[in-house]
PDB file of N, CA and C in Angstrom:
ATOM      1  N   MET A   1     -59.288 -10.283  25.780  1.00  0.00           N
ATOM      2  CA  MET A   1     -58.744  -9.404  24.804  1.00  0.00           C
ATOM      3  C   MET A   1     -57.445  -8.634  25.484  1.00  0.00           C
ATOM      4  N   ASN A   2     -57.325  -8.988  26.747  1.00  0.00           N
ATOM      5  CA  ASN A   2     -56.232  -8.420  27.485  1.00  0.00           C
ATOM      6  C   ASN A   2     -55.335  -9.087  26.847  1.00  0.00           C
ATOM      7  N   ALA A   3     -55.523 -10.543  26.879  1.00  0.00           N
ATOM      8  CA  ALA A   3     -54.010 -11.181  26.342  1.00  0.00           C
ATOM      9  C   ALA A   3     -53.811 -11.006  25.112  1.00  0.00           C
ATOM     10  N   SER A   4     -54.507 -10.776  24.157  1.00  0.00           N
ATOM     11  CA  SER A   4     -54.412 -10.138  22.458  1.00  0.00           C
ATOM     12  C   SER A   4     -53.503  -9.040  22.918  1.00  0.00           C
ATOM     13  N   ARG A   5     -54.179  -7.998  23.779  1.00  0.00           N
ATOM     14  CA  ARG A   5     -53.142  -6.684  23.533  1.00  0.00           C
ATOM     15  C   ARG A   5     -52.143  -6.581  24.102  1.00  0.00           C
ATOM     16  N   ARG A   6     -51.714  -7.543  25.086  1.00  0.00           N
ATOM     17  CA  ARG A   6     -50.312  -7.670  25.423  1.00  0.00           C
ATOM     18  C   ARG A   6     -49.409  -8.342  24.461  1.00  0.00           C
ATOM     19  N   ILE A   7     -49.961  -9.296  23.401  1.00  0.00           N
ATOM     20  CA  ILE A   7     -48.912  -9.879  22.503  1.00  0.00           C
ATOM     21  C   ILE A   7     -49.028  -9.023  21.418  1.00  0.00           C
ATOM     22  N   ALA A   8     -50.166  -8.284  21.072  1.00  0.00           N
ATOM     23  CA  ALA A   8     -49.783  -6.996  19.809  1.00  0.00           C
ATOM     24  C   ALA A   8     -48.843  -5.981  20.372  1.00  0.00           C
ATOM     25  N   SER A   9     -48.771  -5.716  21.600  1.00  0.00           N
ATOM     26  CA  SER A   9     -47.995  -4.817  22.383  1.00  0.00           C
ATOM     27  C   SER A   9     -46.721  -5.096  22.337  1.00  0.00           C
ATOM     28  N   CYS A  10     -46.250  -6.639  22.659  1.00  0.00           N
ATOM     29  CA  CYS A  10     -44.910  -7.061  22.798  1.00  0.00           C
ATOM     30  C   CYS A  10     -44.529  -7.281  21.168  1.00  0.00           C
ATOM     31  N   LEU A  11     -45.213  -7.815  20.146  1.00  0.00           N
ATOM     32  CA  LEU A  11     -45.023  -7.530  18.624  1.00  0.00           C
ATOM     33  C   LEU A  11     -44.795  -6.180  18.185  1.00  0.00           C
ATOM     34  N   VAL A  12     -45.540  -5.116  18.426  1.00  0.00           N
ATOM     35  CA  VAL A  12     -44.638  -3.573  18.096  1.00  0.00           C
ATOM     36  C   VAL A  12     -43.411  -3.426  18.928  1.00  0.00           C
ATOM     37  N   ILE A  13     -43.312  -3.907  20.209  1.00  0.00           N
ATOM     38  CA  ILE A  13     -42.155  -3.459  20.900  1.00  0.00           C
ATOM     39  C   ILE A  13     -41.006  -4.571  19.967  1.00  0.00           C
ATOM     40  N   LEU A  14     -41.400  -5.646  19.513  1.00  0.00           N
ATOM     41  CA  LEU A  14     -40.047  -6.137  19.198  1.00  0.00           C
ATOM     42  C   LEU A  14     -40.089  -6.195  17.683  1.00  0.00           C
ATOM     43  N   ALA A  15     -40.773  -5.473  16.999  1.00  0.00           N
ATOM     44  CA  ALA A  15     -40.592  -4.679  15.679  1.00  0.00           C
ATOM     45  C   ALA A  15     -40.070  -3.435  15.567  1.00  0.00           C
ATOM     46  N   GLY A  16     -40.004  -2.645  16.587  1.00  0.00           N
ATOM     47  CA  GLY A  16     -39.163  -1.281  16.960  1.00  0.00           C
ATOM     48  C   GLY A  16     -37.539  -1.511  17.472  1.00  0.00           C
ATOM     49  N   LEU A  17     -37.987  -2.444  17.853  1.00  0.00           N
ATOM     50  CA  LEU A  17     -36.183  -2.984  18.508  1.00  0.00           C
ATOM     51  C   LEU A  17     -35.601  -3.560  17.407  1.00  0.00           C
ATOM     52  N   SER A  18     -36.387  -4.303  16.533  1.00  0.00           N
ATOM     53  CA  SER A  18     -35.527  -4.813  15.548  1.00  0.00           C
ATOM     54  C   SER A  18     -35.116  -4.055  14.383  1.00  0.00           C
ATOM     55  N   VAL A  19     -35.932  -2.907  14.364  1.00  0.00           N
ATOM     56  CA  VAL A  19     -35.592  -2.027  13.378  1.00  0.00           C
ATOM     57  C   VAL A  19     -34.707  -1.104  13.775  1.00  0.00           C
ATOM     58  N   GLY A  20     -34.304  -1.292  14.827  1.00  0.00           N
ATOM     59  CA  GLY A  20     -33.342  -0.306  15.607  1.00  0.00           C
ATOM     60  C   GLY A  20     -32.094  -1.013  15.911  1.00  0.00           C
ATOM     61  N   CYS A  21     -32.202  -1.945  15.801  1.00  0.00           N
ATOM     62  CA  CYS A  21     -30.923  -3.065  15.945  1.00  0.00           C
ATOM     63  C   CYS A  21     -30.517  -2.851  14.319  1.00  0.00           C
ATOM     64  N   THR A  22     -31.167  -2.790  13.194  1.00  0.00           N
ATOM     65  CA  THR A  22     -30.784  -3.010  12.081  1.00  0.00           C
ATOM     66  C   THR A  22     -30.323  -1.942  11.556  1.00  0.00           C
ATOM     67  N   ALA A  23     -30.779  -0.087  11.978  1.00  0.00           N
ATOM     68  CA  ALA A  23     -30.186   0.714  11.956  1.00  0.00           C
ATOM     69  C   ALA A  23     -28.591   1.195  12.447  1.00  0.00           C
ATOM     70  N   ALA A  24     -28.386   0.197  13.356  1.00  0.00           N
ATOM     71  CA  ALA A  24     -27.329   0.297  14.236  1.00  0.00           C
ATOM     72  C   ALA A  24     -25.878  -0.324  13.807  1.00  0.00           C
ATOM     73  N   ASN A  25     -26.367  -0.962  12.420  1.00  0.00           N
ATOM     74  CA  ASN A  25     -25.098  -1.938  12.110  1.00  0.00           C
ATOM     75  C   ASN A  25     -24.712  -1.444  11.129  1.00  0.00           C
ATOM     76  N   HIS A  26     -24.441   0.112  11.341  1.00  0.00           N
ATOM     77  CA  HIS A  26     -23.841   1.107   9.780  1.00  0.00           C
ATOM     78  C   HIS A  26     -22.562   1.253  10.332  1.00  0.00           C
ATOM     79  N   SER A  27     -21.579   0.945   9.488  1.00  0.00           N
ATOM     80  CA  SER A  27     -20.026   0.580   9.713  1.00  0.00           C
ATOM     81  C   SER A  27     -19.500   1.928   8.927  1.00  0.00           C
ATOM     82  N   HIS A  28     -18.439   2.473   9.456  1.00  0.00           N
ATOM     83  CA  HIS A  28     -17.686   3.857   8.933  1.00  0.00           C
ATOM     84  C   HIS A  28     -16.352   3.247   8.212  1.00  0.00           C
ATOM     85  N   VAL A  29     -16.566   2.228   8.369  1.00  0.00           N
ATOM     86  CA  VAL A  29     -15.535   1.018   7.619  1.00  0.00           C
ATOM     87  C   VAL A  29     -15.677   1.032   6.335  1.00  0.00           C
ATOM     88  N   GLU A  30     -17.207   0.805   5.574  1.00  0.00           N
ATOM     89  CA  GLU A  30     -17.919   0.754   4.479  1.00  0.00           C
ATOM     90  C   GLU A  30     -17.928   2.339   3.746  1.00  0.00           C
ATOM     91  N   ASP A  31     -17.930   3.344   4.519  1.00  0.00           N
ATOM     92  CA  ASP A  31     -17.702   4.717   3.914  1.00  0.00           C
ATOM     93  C   ASP A  31     -16.365   4.923   3.244  1.00  0.00           C
ATOM     94  N   HIS A  32     -15.742   4.628   4.084  1.00  0.00           N
ATOM     95  CA  HIS A  32     -14.308   4.908   3.280  1.00  0.00           C
ATOM     96  C   HIS A  32     -13.412   3.354   2.671  1.00  0.00           C
ATOM     97  N   TRP A  33     -13.919   2.747   2.296  1.00  0.00           N
ATOM     98  CA  TRP A  33     -13.827   1.664   2.045  1.00  0.00           C
ATOM     99  C   TRP A  33     -12.792   1.846   0.652  1.00  0.00           C
ATOM    100  N   GLY A  34     -11.506   1.251   0.694  1.00  0.00           N
ATOM    101  CA  GLY A  34     -10.633   1.791  -0.738  1.00  0.00           C
ATOM    102  C   GLY A  34     -10.465   3.249  -0.822  1.00  0.00           C
ATOM    103  N   GLU A  35     -10.332   3.886   0.068  1.00  0.00           N
ATOM    104  CA  GLU A  35     -10.138   5.296   0.036  1.00  0.00           C
ATOM    105  C   GLU A  35      -8.313   5.506   0.250  1.00  0.00           C
ATOM    106  N   SER A  36      -7.884   4.322   0.831  1.00  0.00           N
ATOM    107  CA  SER A  36      -6.246   4.394   1.471  1.00  0.00           C
ATOM    108  C   SER A  36      -5.992   3.662  -0.137  1.00  0.00           C
ATOM    109  N   TYR A  37      -6.440   2.678  -0.605  1.00  0.00           N
ATOM    110  CA  TYR A  37      -5.771   2.409  -1.841  1.00  0.00           C
ATOM    111  C   TYR A  37      -5.461   3.462  -3.140  1.00  0.00           C
ATOM    112  N   ARG A  38      -6.648   4.237  -2.981  1.00  0.00           N
ATOM    113  CA  ARG A  38      -7.122   4.985  -4.168  1.00  0.00           C
ATOM    114  C   ARG A  38      -6.024   6.313  -3.848  1.00  0.00           C
ATOM    115  N   THR A  39      -5.830   6.538  -2.583  1.00  0.00           N
ATOM    116  CA  THR A  39      -5.019   7.829  -2.242  1.00  0.00           C
ATOM    117  C   THR A  39      -3.598   7.019  -2.300  1.00  0.00           C
ATOM    118  N   LEU A  40      -2.957   6.255  -2.274  1.00  0.00           N
ATOM    119  CA  LEU A  40      -1.740   6.099  -2.038  1.00  0.00           C
ATOM    120  C   LEU A  40      -1.030   5.538  -3.859  1.00  0.00           C
ATOM    121  N   LYS A  41      -2.483   5.297  -4.493  1.00  0.00           N
ATOM    122  CA  LYS A  41      -2.341   5.039  -6.396  1.00  0.00           C
ATOM    123  C   LYS A  41      -1.966   6.254  -6.700  1.00  0.00           C
ATOM    124  N   ALA A  42      -2.742   7.442  -6.465  1.00  0.00           N
ATOM    125  CA  ALA A  42      -2.780   9.247  -6.508  1.00  0.00           C
ATOM    126  C   ALA A  42      -1.473   9.532  -6.473  1.00  0.00           C
ATOM    127  N   GLN A  43      -0.947   8.917  -5.210  1.00  0.00           N
ATOM    128  CA  GLN A  43       0.347   9.613  -4.838  1.00  0.00           C
ATOM    129  C   GLN A  43       1.810   9.088  -5.947  1.00  0.00           C
ATOM    130  N   GLN A  44       1.172   7.976  -6.195  1.00  0.00           N
ATOM    131  CA  GLN A  44       2.499   7.302  -7.292  1.00  0.00           C
ATOM    132  C   GLN A  44       2.779   7.765  -8.574  1.00  0.00           C
ATOM    133  N   ILE A  45       1.449   8.722  -9.085  1.00  0.00           N
ATOM    134  CA  ILE A  45       1.683   9.034 -10.167  1.00  0.00           C
ATOM    135  C   ILE A  45       2.285  10.988 -10.145  1.00  0.00           C
ATOM    136  N   ALA A  46       3.196  10.874 -10.665  1.00  0.00           N
ATOM    137  CA  ALA A  46       3.765  12.249 -10.762  1.00  0.00           C
ATOM    138  C   ALA A  46       3.465  13.270 -11.588  1.00  0.00           C
ATOM    139  N   ASN A  47       2.903  12.975 -12.634  1.00  0.00           N
ATOM    140  CA  ASN A  47       2.361  13.651 -13.737  1.00  0.00           C
ATOM    141  C   ASN A  47       1.064  13.100 -13.918  1.00  0.00           C
ATOM    142  N   PRO A  48      -0.128  13.198 -13.925  1.00  0.00           N
ATOM    143  CA  PRO A  48      -1.092  12.446 -14.576  1.00  0.00           C
ATOM    144  C   PRO A  48      -1.651  12.978 -15.448  1.00  0.00           C
ATOM    145  N   ASP A  49      -1.244  13.697 -16.457  1.00  0.00           N
ATOM    146  CA  ASP A  49      -1.668  14.668 -17.524  1.00  0.00           C
ATOM    147  C   ASP A  49      -0.052  14.356 -18.304  1.00  0.00           C
ATOM    148  N   ALA A  50       0.703  13.457 -18.248  1.00  0.00           N
ATOM    149  CA  ALA A  50       1.860  12.737 -19.163  1.00  0.00           C
ATOM    150  C   ALA A  50       1.295  12.234 -20.553  1.00  0.00           C
ATOM    151  N   GLY A  51       0.206  11.813 -20.394  1.00  0.00           N
ATOM    152  CA  GLY A  51      -0.005  11.217 -21.829  1.00  0.00           C
ATOM    153  C   GLY A  51      -0.559  12.013 -22.850  1.00  0.00           C
ATOM    154  N   LYS A  52      -1.012  13.161 -22.483  1.00  0.00           N
ATOM    155  CA  LYS A  52      -1.902  14.231 -23.079  1.00  0.00           C
ATOM    156  C   LYS A  52      -0.417  15.194 -23.881  1.00  0.00           C
ATOM    157  N   GLU A  53       0.668  15.088 -23.349  1.00  0.00           N
ATOM    158  CA  GLU A  53       1.638  16.060 -23.555  1.00  0.00           C
ATOM    159  C   GLU A  53       2.502  15.372 -24.953  1.00  0.00           C
ATOM    160  N   LEU A  54       2.411  16.360 -26.118  1.00  0.00           N
ATOM    161  CA  LEU A  54       3.296  15.961 -27.153  1.00  0.00           C
ATOM    162  C   LEU A  54       4.610  15.813 -27.376  1.00  0.00           C
ATOM    163  N   LYS A  55       5.206  16.722 -26.132  1.00  0.00           N
ATOM    164  CA  LYS A  55       6.957  16.722 -26.161  1.00  0.00           C
ATOM    165  C   LYS A  55       7.597  15.464 -26.327  1.00  0.00           C
ATOM    166  N   THR A  56       8.680  15.806 -26.824  1.00  0.00           N
ATOM    167  CA  THR A  56       9.723  14.403 -27.126  1.00  0.00           C
ATOM    168  C   THR A  56      10.145  13.939 -25.607  1.00  0.00           C
ATOM    169  N   VAL A  57      10.892  13.102 -25.395  1.00  0.00           N
ATOM    170  CA  VAL A  57      11.119  12.343 -23.710  1.00  0.00           C
ATOM    171  C   VAL A  57      12.426  12.561 -24.135  1.00  0.00           C
ATOM    172  N   GLU A  58      12.832  13.029 -22.748  1.00  0.00           N
ATOM    173  CA  GLU A  58      14.662  13.559 -22.806  1.00  0.00           C
ATOM    174  C   GLU A  58      15.137  12.141 -22.090  1.00  0.00           C
ATOM    175  N   GLY A  59      16.323  11.916 -22.523  1.00  0.00           N
ATOM    176  CA  GLY A  59      16.770  10.436 -21.841  1.00  0.00           C
ATOM    177  C   GLY A  59      18.180  10.407 -22.691  1.00  0.00           C
ATOM    178  N   MET A  60      18.690   8.935 -22.476  1.00  0.00           N
ATOM    179  CA  MET A  60      19.850   8.705 -23.415  1.00  0.00           C
ATOM    180  C   MET A  60      19.366   7.572 -24.283  1.00  0.00           C
ATOM    181  N   ASN A  61      20.193   8.105 -25.235  1.00  0.00           N
ATOM    182  CA  ASN A  61      20.249   7.244 -26.680  1.00  0.00           C
ATOM    183  C   ASN A  61      20.618   5.600 -26.506  1.00  0.00           C
ATOM    184  N   SER A  62      20.236   5.092 -27.437  1.00  0.00           N
ATOM    185  CA  SER A  62      20.414   3.251 -26.626  1.00  0.00           C
ATOM    186  C   SER A  62      22.215   3.109 -26.532  1.00  0.00           C
ATOM    187  N   THR A  63      22.828   3.780 -27.362  1.00  0.00           N
ATOM    188  CA  THR A  63      24.350   3.745 -27.077  1.00  0.00           C
ATOM    189  C   THR A  63      25.058   4.084 -25.931  1.00  0.00           C
ATOM    190  N   THR A  64      24.494   4.932 -25.266  1.00  0.00           N
ATOM    191  CA  THR A  64      24.916   5.360 -24.350  1.00  0.00           C
ATOM    192  C   THR A  64      24.160   4.295 -22.857  1.00  0.00           C
ATOM    193  N   ALA A  65      23.026   3.742 -23.336  1.00  0.00           N
ATOM    194  CA  ALA A  65      22.341   2.932 -22.106  1.00  0.00           C
ATOM    195  C   ALA A  65      23.006   1.595 -22.054  1.00  0.00           C
ATOM    196  N   ALA A  66      23.289   1.057 -23.690  1.00  0.00           N
ATOM    197  CA  ALA A  66      24.191   0.171 -23.765  1.00  0.00           C
ATOM    198  C   ALA A  66      25.683  -0.075 -22.858  1.00  0.00           C
ATOM    199  N   GLY A  67      26.149   1.605 -23.341  1.00  0.00           N
ATOM    200  CA  GLY A  67      27.598   1.622 -22.250  1.00  0.00           C
ATOM    201  C   GLY A  67      27.413   1.178 -20.662  1.00  0.00           C
ATOM    202  N   VAL A  68      26.224   1.924 -20.727  1.00  0.00           N
ATOM    203  CA  VAL A  68      25.881   2.192 -18.738  1.00  0.00           C
ATOM    204  C   VAL A  68      25.616   0.446 -18.345  1.00  0.00           C
ATOM    205  N   THR A  69      24.858  -0.206 -19.063  1.00  0.00           N
ATOM    206  CA  THR A  69      24.663  -1.388 -18.902  1.00  0.00           C
ATOM    207  C   THR A  69      25.852  -2.224 -18.710  1.00  0.00           C
ATOM    208  N   ALA A  70      26.810  -1.995 -19.617  1.00  0.00           N
ATOM    209  CA  ALA A  70      27.685  -3.129 -19.881  1.00  0.00           C
ATOM    210  C   ALA A  70      28.474  -2.768 -18.566  1.00  0.00           C
ATOM    211  N   THR A  71      28.924  -1.187 -18.512  1.00  0.00           N
ATOM    212  CA  THR A  71      29.536  -0.956 -16.916  1.00  0.00           C
ATOM    213  C   THR A  71      28.958  -1.628 -15.692  1.00  0.00           C
ATOM    214  N   TYR A  72      27.650  -1.559 -15.711  1.00  0.00           N
ATOM    215  CA  TYR A  72      26.863  -1.965 -14.397  1.00  0.00           C
ATOM    216  C   TYR A  72      27.176  -3.582 -14.242  1.00  0.00           C
ATOM    217  N   HIS A  73      26.555  -4.587 -15.294  1.00  0.00           N
ATOM    218  CA  HIS A  73      27.220  -5.947 -15.257  1.00  0.00           C
ATOM    219  C   HIS A  73      28.810  -6.178 -15.012  1.00  0.00           C
ATOM    220  N   SER A  74      29.718  -5.086 -15.388  1.00  0.00           N
ATOM    221  CA  SER A  74      31.039  -5.919 -15.426  1.00  0.00           C
ATOM    222  C   SER A  74      31.678  -5.632 -13.885  1.00  0.00           C
ATOM    223  N   ARG A  75      30.934  -4.534 -12.838  1.00  0.00           N
ATOM    224  CA  ARG A  75      31.122  -4.515 -11.660  1.00  0.00           C
ATOM    225  C   ARG A  75      30.473  -5.247 -10.828  1.00  0.00           C
ATOM    226  N   GLN A  76      29.625  -5.871 -11.429  1.00  0.00           N
ATOM    227  CA  GLN A  76      28.784  -6.284 -10.442  1.00  0.00           C
ATOM    228  C   GLN A  76      29.573  -7.929 -10.198  1.00  0.00           C
ATOM    229  N   THR A  77      30.013  -8.378 -11.394  1.00  0.00           N
ATOM    230  CA  THR A  77      30.930  -9.386 -11.814  1.00  0.00           C
ATOM    231  C   THR A  77      32.078  -9.591 -10.650  1.00  0.00           C
ATOM    232  N   GLU A  78      32.731  -8.233 -10.573  1.00  0.00           N
ATOM    233  CA  GLU A  78      33.947  -8.241  -9.896  1.00  0.00           C
ATOM    234  C   GLU A  78      33.862  -8.224  -8.100  1.00  0.00           C
ATOM    235  N   GLN A  79      34.846  -9.202  -7.917  1.00  0.00           N
ATOM    236  CA  GLN A  79      34.701  -9.304  -6.439  1.00  0.00           C
ATOM    237  C   GLN A  79      35.156  -8.435  -5.591  1.00  0.00           C
ATOM    238  N   PRO A  80      34.503  -8.027  -4.597  1.00  0.00           N
ATOM    239  CA  PRO A  80      35.319  -6.915  -3.738  1.00  0.00           C
ATOM    240  C   PRO A  80      36.888  -7.387  -2.787  1.00  0.00           C
ATOM    241  N   GLN A  81      38.137  -7.134  -2.932  1.00  0.00           N
ATOM    242  CA  GLN A  81      39.141  -7.228  -2.233  1.00  0.00           C
ATOM    243  C   GLN A  81      38.799  -7.312  -1.062  1.00  0.00           C
ATOM    244  N   THR A  82      39.203  -8.225   0.114  1.00  0.00           N
ATOM    245  CA  THR A  82      39.074  -8.294   1.525  1.00  0.00           C
ATOM    246  C   THR A  82      40.516  -8.260   1.827  1.00  0.00           C
ATOM    247  N   GLN A  83      40.372  -7.468   2.958  1.00  0.00           N
ATOM    248  CA  GLN A  83      41.825  -7.356   3.611  1.00  0.00           C
ATOM    249  C   GLN A  83      41.954  -8.282   4.687  1.00  0.00           C
ATOM    250  N   GLN A  84      43.475  -9.212   4.581  1.00  0.00           N
ATOM    251  CA  GLN A  84      43.609 -10.150   5.666  1.00  0.00           C
ATOM    252  C   GLN A  84      44.341  -9.258   6.714  1.00  0.00           C
ATOM    253  N   ASP A  85      43.729  -8.918   7.580  1.00  0.00           N
ATOM    254  CA  ASP A  85      44.197  -7.803   8.820  1.00  0.00           C
ATOM    255  C   ASP A  85      44.058  -9.272   9.713  1.00  0.00           C
ATOM    256  N   SER A  86      44.828  -9.249  10.776  1.00  0.00           N
ATOM    257  CA  SER A  86      45.088  -9.910  11.941  1.00  0.00           C
ATOM    258  C   SER A  86      45.094  -9.128  13.108  1.00  0.00           C
ATOM    259  N   SER A  87      45.339  -7.865  12.944  1.00  0.00           N
ATOM    260  CA  SER A  87      45.490  -7.180  13.824  1.00  0.00           C
ATOM    261  C   SER A  87      44.450  -7.137  15.206  1.00  0.00           C
ATOM    262  N   LEU A  88      43.256  -7.150  14.559  1.00  0.00           N
ATOM    263  CA  LEU A  88      42.361  -7.046  15.997  1.00  0.00           C
ATOM    264  C   LEU A  88      42.508  -8.411  16.508  1.00  0.00           C
ATOM    265  N   LEU A  89      42.011  -9.604  15.706  1.00  0.00           N
ATOM    266  CA  LEU A  89      42.554 -10.830  16.527  1.00  0.00           C
ATOM    267  C   LEU A  89      43.817 -10.964  17.223  1.00  0.00           C
ATOM    268  N   GLU A  90      44.535 -10.342  16.983  1.00  0.00           N
ATOM    269  CA  GLU A  90      45.756 -10.234  17.802  1.00  0.00           C
ATOM    270  C   GLU A  90      45.315  -9.551  19.504  1.00  0.00           C
ATOM    271  N   LEU A  91      44.529  -8.372  18.815  1.00  0.00           N
ATOM    272  CA  LEU A  91      44.182  -7.985  20.088  1.00  0.00           C
ATOM    273  C   LEU A  91      43.239  -8.419  21.241  1.00  0.00           C
ATOM    274  N   ILE A  92      42.177  -9.468  20.991  1.00  0.00           N
ATOM    275  CA  ILE A  92      41.615  -9.982  21.342  1.00  0.00           C
ATOM    276  C   ILE A  92      42.098 -11.104  22.038  1.00  0.00           C
ATOM    277  N   GLY A  93      43.248 -11.459  21.657  1.00  0.00           N
ATOM    278  CA  GLY A  93      43.310 -12.911  21.886  1.00  0.00           C
ATOM    279  C   GLY A  93      44.806 -12.597  23.311  1.00  0.00           C
ATOM    280  N   GLU A  94      44.822 -11.065  23.492  1.00  0.00           N
ATOM    281  CA  GLU A  94      45.857 -10.651  24.595  1.00  0.00           C
ATOM    282  C   GLU A  94      45.348 -10.423  25.699  1.00  0.00           C
TER     283      GLU A  94
END
């Protein structure tokens, strides 16, 4: 009987330790999982009720937009003029 009591008490102690160890595996990461993503997404929305408004959108018409686009593309194709200034190189050489 003495041996069976020891075995029973060891089993009770092991069961208590295993329950205690499983409860200690709680992670605070799981509590806040995805919170930063949701916060950043909400910060990028300027007006969440914009789809519910029925007023017209203000902006430029297609003719103005075409002119702006043409100006932008023509300026992108122009190469900037570089100056051929050798005075700095002459100072270094002296």
